[in-house]
C-alpha atoms as a PDB file:
ATOM      1  CA  MET A   1     -50.245 -14.950  -3.192  1.00  0.00           C
ATOM      2  CA  LYS A   2     -50.213 -10.857  -3.503  1.00  0.00           C
ATOM      3  CA  ALA A   3     -48.838 -10.998  -0.213  1.00  0.00           C
ATOM      4  CA  PHE A   4     -46.033 -13.273  -0.944  1.00  0.00           C
ATOM      5  CA  LEU A   5     -45.272 -11.407  -3.958  1.00  0.00           C
ATOM      6  CA  LEU A   6     -45.151  -7.838  -2.000  1.00  0.00           C
ATOM      7  CA  SER A   7     -42.835  -9.578   0.674  1.00  0.00           C
ATOM      8  CA  VAL A   8     -40.171 -11.234  -2.100  1.00  0.00           C
ATOM      9  CA  LEU A   9     -40.007  -7.551  -3.523  1.00  0.00           C
ATOM     10  CA  SER A  10     -39.715  -5.821  -0.635  1.00  0.00           C
ATOM     11  CA  ILE A  11     -36.546  -7.872   0.471  1.00  0.00           C
ATOM     12  CA  CYS A  12     -35.429  -7.454  -2.939  1.00  0.00           C
ATOM     13  CA  ALA A  13     -35.289  -3.949  -2.758  1.00  0.00           C
ATOM     14  CA  LEU A  14     -34.138  -3.712   0.639  1.00  0.00           C
ATOM     15  CA  GLY A  15     -31.285  -5.703  -0.259  1.00  0.00           C
ATOM     16  CA  ALA A  16     -30.523  -3.343  -3.385  1.00  0.00           C
ATOM     17  CA  ALA A  17     -31.051  -0.336  -1.125  1.00  0.00           C
ATOM     18  CA  GLU A  18     -27.629  -1.519   1.338  1.00  0.00           C
ATOM     19  CA  PRO A  19     -24.730  -0.070  -0.239  1.00  0.00           C
ATOM     20  CA  ALA A  20     -21.928  -2.206  -1.518  1.00  0.00           C
ATOM     21  CA  LYS A  21     -19.735  -2.774   1.107  1.00  0.00           C
ATOM     22  CA  ALA A  22     -16.086  -0.905   0.380  1.00  0.00           C
ATOM     23  CA  PRO A  23     -13.025  -3.714   0.555  1.00  0.00           C
ATOM     24  CA  ALA A  24     -11.556  -3.751   4.085  1.00  0.00           C
ATOM     25  CA  VAL A  25      -8.576  -1.528   3.285  1.00  0.00           C
ATOM     26  CA  ALA A  26      -8.034   0.004   0.076  1.00  0.00           C
ATOM     27  CA  LEU A  27      -4.401   0.536  -0.548  1.00  0.00           C
ATOM     28  CA  VAL A  28      -3.248   3.816  -2.162  1.00  0.00           C
ATOM     29  CA  GLY A  29       0.426   2.756  -2.162  1.00  0.00           C
ATOM     30  CA  ARG A  30       2.078  -0.327  -3.716  1.00  0.00           C
ATOM     31  CA  LEU A  31       1.781  -3.483  -1.710  1.00  0.00           C
ATOM     32  CA  LEU A  32       5.058  -5.132  -1.057  1.00  0.00           C
ATOM     33  CA  GLU A  33       4.268  -8.548  -0.045  1.00  0.00           C
ATOM     34  CA  ALA A  34       6.929 -12.187   0.657  1.00  0.00           C
ATOM     35  CA  SER A  35       6.821 -14.666   3.055  1.00  0.00           C
ATOM     36  CA  GLY A  36       3.747 -13.836   4.591  1.00  0.00           C
ATOM     37  CA  ASP A  37       4.508 -10.450   5.858  1.00  0.00           C
ATOM     38  CA  LYS A  38       2.961  -7.316   3.739  1.00  0.00           C
ATOM     39  CA  ALA A  39       3.889  -3.424   3.763  1.00  0.00           C
ATOM     40  CA  GLU A  40       2.677  -0.796   2.016  1.00  0.00           C
ATOM     41  CA  PHE A  41       4.821   1.671   0.354  1.00  0.00           C
ATOM     42  CA  LEU A  42       3.269   5.142  -0.186  1.00  0.00           C
ATOM     43  CA  ILE A  43       4.497   8.211  -1.815  1.00  0.00           C
ATOM     44  CA  LYS A  44       2.220  11.264  -0.051  1.00  0.00           C
ATOM     45  CA  PRO A  45       1.812  14.502  -1.942  1.00  0.00           C
ATOM     46  CA  SER A  46       4.798  16.042  -0.268  1.00  0.00           C
ATOM     47  CA  ARG A  47       6.932  13.300  -1.488  1.00  0.00           C
ATOM     48  CA  HIS A  48       7.794  11.656   1.778  1.00  0.00           C
ATOM     49  CA  VAL A  49       7.930   8.069   1.826  1.00  0.00           C
ATOM     50  CA  VAL A  50       5.776   6.140   4.259  1.00  0.00           C
ATOM     51  CA  VAL A  51       6.268   2.122   4.720  1.00  0.00           C
ATOM     52  CA  THR A  52       2.884   0.666   6.653  1.00  0.00           C
ATOM     53  CA  PHE A  53       3.454  -2.805   7.983  1.00  0.00           C
ATOM     54  CA  LEU A  54       0.209  -4.827   7.268  1.00  0.00           C
ATOM     55  CA  ASP A  55      -1.633  -8.175   9.061  1.00  0.00           C
ATOM     56  CA  ALA A  56      -3.512 -10.435   7.346  1.00  0.00           C
ATOM     57  CA  ALA A  57      -6.752  -8.168   6.634  1.00  0.00           C
ATOM     58  CA  GLY A  58      -4.597  -5.483   5.169  1.00  0.00           C
ATOM     59  CA  LYS A  59      -4.941  -3.315   7.987  1.00  0.00           C
ATOM     60  CA  PRO A  60      -1.653  -1.323   9.630  1.00  0.00           C
ATOM     61  CA  ALA A  61       0.252  -3.683  12.252  1.00  0.00           C
ATOM     62  CA  ALA A  62       2.915  -2.950  14.486  1.00  0.00           C
ATOM     63  CA  ARG A  63       6.076  -2.661  13.387  1.00  0.00           C
ATOM     64  CA  GLY A  64       7.746  -4.965  15.698  1.00  0.00           C
ATOM     65  CA  GLU A  65      11.395  -5.769  15.544  1.00  0.00           C
ATOM     66  CA  ARG A  66      11.363  -4.864  11.631  1.00  0.00           C
ATOM     67  CA  SER A  67      13.431  -2.418  10.062  1.00  0.00           C
ATOM     68  CA  VAL A  68      13.834  -0.800   6.651  1.00  0.00           C
ATOM     69  CA  VAL A  69      16.019   0.715   4.391  1.00  0.00           C
ATOM     70  CA  VAL A  70      15.012   2.560   1.446  1.00  0.00           C
ATOM     71  CA  LYS A  71      17.308   3.655  -1.424  1.00  0.00           C
ATOM     72  CA  VAL A  72      16.380   6.053  -3.918  1.00  0.00           C
ATOM     73  CA  ASP A  73      19.246   6.347  -7.118  1.00  0.00           C
ATOM     74  CA  GLY A  74      21.638   4.426  -4.779  1.00  0.00           C
ATOM     75  CA  LYS A  75      21.636   6.790  -1.690  1.00  0.00           C
ATOM     76  CA  ASP A  76      19.682   5.465   1.548  1.00  0.00           C
ATOM     77  CA  LEU A  77      16.621   7.737   2.297  1.00  0.00           C
ATOM     78  CA  ALA A  78      16.781   8.481   6.120  1.00  0.00           C
ATOM     79  CA  LEU A  79      13.743   6.821   7.934  1.00  0.00           C
ATOM     80  CA  GLU A  80      12.146   7.877  11.324  1.00  0.00           C
ATOM     81  CA  ALA A  81      10.217   4.840  13.182  1.00  0.00           C
ATOM     82  CA  GLN A  82       6.512   5.114  13.639  1.00  0.00           C
ATOM     83  CA  PRO A  83       4.173   2.276  15.547  1.00  0.00           C
ATOM     84  CA  ASN A  84       3.600   0.502  12.585  1.00  0.00           C
ATOM     85  CA  GLY A  85       6.232   1.124  10.160  1.00  0.00           C
ATOM     86  CA  PHE A  86       8.574   4.255   8.722  1.00  0.00           C
ATOM     87  CA  THR A  87       8.141   7.543   7.573  1.00  0.00           C
ATOM     88  CA  SER A  88      10.669   9.713   5.357  1.00  0.00           C
ATOM     89  CA  LYS A  89      12.531  12.369   7.115  1.00  0.00           C
ATOM     90  CA  GLU A  90      13.167  14.199   3.991  1.00  0.00           C
ATOM     91  CA  PRO A  91      11.046  14.088   0.380  1.00  0.00           C
ATOM     92  CA  LEU A  92      12.355  12.088  -2.432  1.00  0.00           C
ATOM     93  CA  PRO A  93      14.526  13.565  -4.499  1.00  0.00           C
ATOM     94  CA  ALA A  94      12.805  15.536  -7.744  1.00  0.00           C
ATOM     95  CA  LYS A  95      14.463  13.426 -10.582  1.00  0.00           C
ATOM     96  CA  GLU A  96      12.085  10.726 -11.950  1.00  0.00           C
ATOM     97  CA  PRO A  97      12.215   8.084 -13.285  1.00  0.00           C
ATOM     98  CA  ALA A  98      14.810   6.993 -10.354  1.00  0.00           C
ATOM     99  CA  PRO A  99      15.358   3.078  -9.149  1.00  0.00           C
ATOM    100  CA  ILE A 100      14.276   2.382  -5.659  1.00  0.00           C
ATOM    101  CA  ILE A 101      15.040  -0.321  -3.235  1.00  0.00           C
ATOM    102  CA  VAL A 102      13.256  -0.987  -0.351  1.00  0.00           C
ATOM    103  CA  GLN A 103      14.712  -3.937   2.301  1.00  0.00           C
ATOM    104  CA  ILE A 104      12.720  -5.220   4.484  1.00  0.00           C
ATOM    105  CA  ARG A 105      14.383  -7.123   7.611  1.00  0.00           C
ATOM    106  CA  ALA A 106      11.908  -8.952  10.348  1.00  0.00           C
ATOM    107  CA  THR A 107      14.779  -8.874  12.904  1.00  0.00           C
ATOM    108  CA  ALA A 108      17.870  -7.336  13.046  1.00  0.00           C
ATOM    109  CA  ASP A 109      19.810 -10.285  12.184  1.00  0.00           C
ATOM    110  CA  ALA A 110      17.667 -11.349   9.287  1.00  0.00           C
ATOM    111  CA  LYS A 111      18.095 -11.623   5.691  1.00  0.00           C
ATOM    112  CA  PRO A 112      16.695  -8.789   4.115  1.00  0.00           C
ATOM    113  CA  THR A 113      14.166  -9.021   1.355  1.00  0.00           C
ATOM    114  CA  ASN A 114      13.913  -6.743  -1.349  1.00  0.00           C
ATOM    115  CA  PHE A 115      11.727  -4.781  -3.487  1.00  0.00           C
ATOM    116  CA  ARG A 116      12.460  -3.256  -6.793  1.00  0.00           C
ATOM    117  CA  LEU A 117      10.054   0.170  -7.907  1.00  0.00           C
ATOM    118  CA  THR A 118      10.561   2.728 -10.204  1.00  0.00           C
ATOM    119  CA  LEU A 119       9.914   6.529  -8.702  1.00  0.00           C
ATOM    120  CA  ASN A 120       7.130   7.420 -11.296  1.00  0.00           C
ATOM    121  CA  THR A 121       4.293   9.353  -9.938  1.00  0.00           C
ATOM    122  CA  SER A 122       2.905  10.311 -12.807  1.00  0.00           C
ATOM    123  CA  THR A 123      -0.730   8.787 -13.608  1.00  0.00           C
ATOM    124  CA  CYS A 124      -1.610   5.728 -15.260  1.00  0.00           C
ATOM    125  CA  GLY A 125      -3.695   6.543 -17.869  1.00  0.00           C
ATOM    126  CA  GLU A 126      -5.504   3.013 -17.646  1.00  0.00           C
ATOM    127  CA  CYS A 127      -6.090   2.744 -14.041  1.00  0.00           C
ATOM    128  CA  LYS A 128      -5.748   6.425 -12.613  1.00  0.00           C
ATOM    129  CA  ARG A 129      -3.266   5.447  -9.879  1.00  0.00           C
ATOM    130  CA  PRO A 130       0.422   6.611  -9.727  1.00  0.00           C
ATOM    131  CA  GLU A 131       2.678   4.606 -11.924  1.00  0.00           C
ATOM    132  CA  TYR A 132       4.467   3.555  -9.270  1.00  0.00           C
ATOM    133  CA  THR A 133       1.464   1.660  -7.882  1.00  0.00           C
ATOM    134  CA  CYS A 134       0.382   0.653 -11.038  1.00  0.00           C
ATOM    135  CA  THR A 135      -1.201  -3.026 -11.151  1.00  0.00           C
ATOM    136  CA  CYS A 136      -2.126  -2.754 -15.157  1.00  0.00           C
ATOM    137  CA  GLU A 137       1.065  -5.080 -16.428  1.00  0.00           C
ATOM    138  CA  HIS A 138       1.429  -2.409 -19.723  1.00  0.00           C
END
């Protein structure tokens, strides 16, 4: 009986000693999702925008034929194609808050999917994420 209890306790101890597994991919930007397509919209500390396409598991996926247009306060932001998405050539303007529209097309002749965001990089008091990525619904 002692041997049985010791083995059960050792199995429990081993299970407790294993670190918790982190999610497959921790998003730091805003998830843009429509019609099965996913992309992450991220504003880097340099204020450059990065749009990364994601697969079903949330990992970076090939850009393929997709195209992106980002408008900030009504002006187009110049983007440079990357293997997994797009990066802005210039930083975002300093004016905050400002409306952002992200248009994603699956192919050149496809109808665009529009996403509306607000440029606000201040930190949310509840979730501690940048406001443009906040999930608190306040």
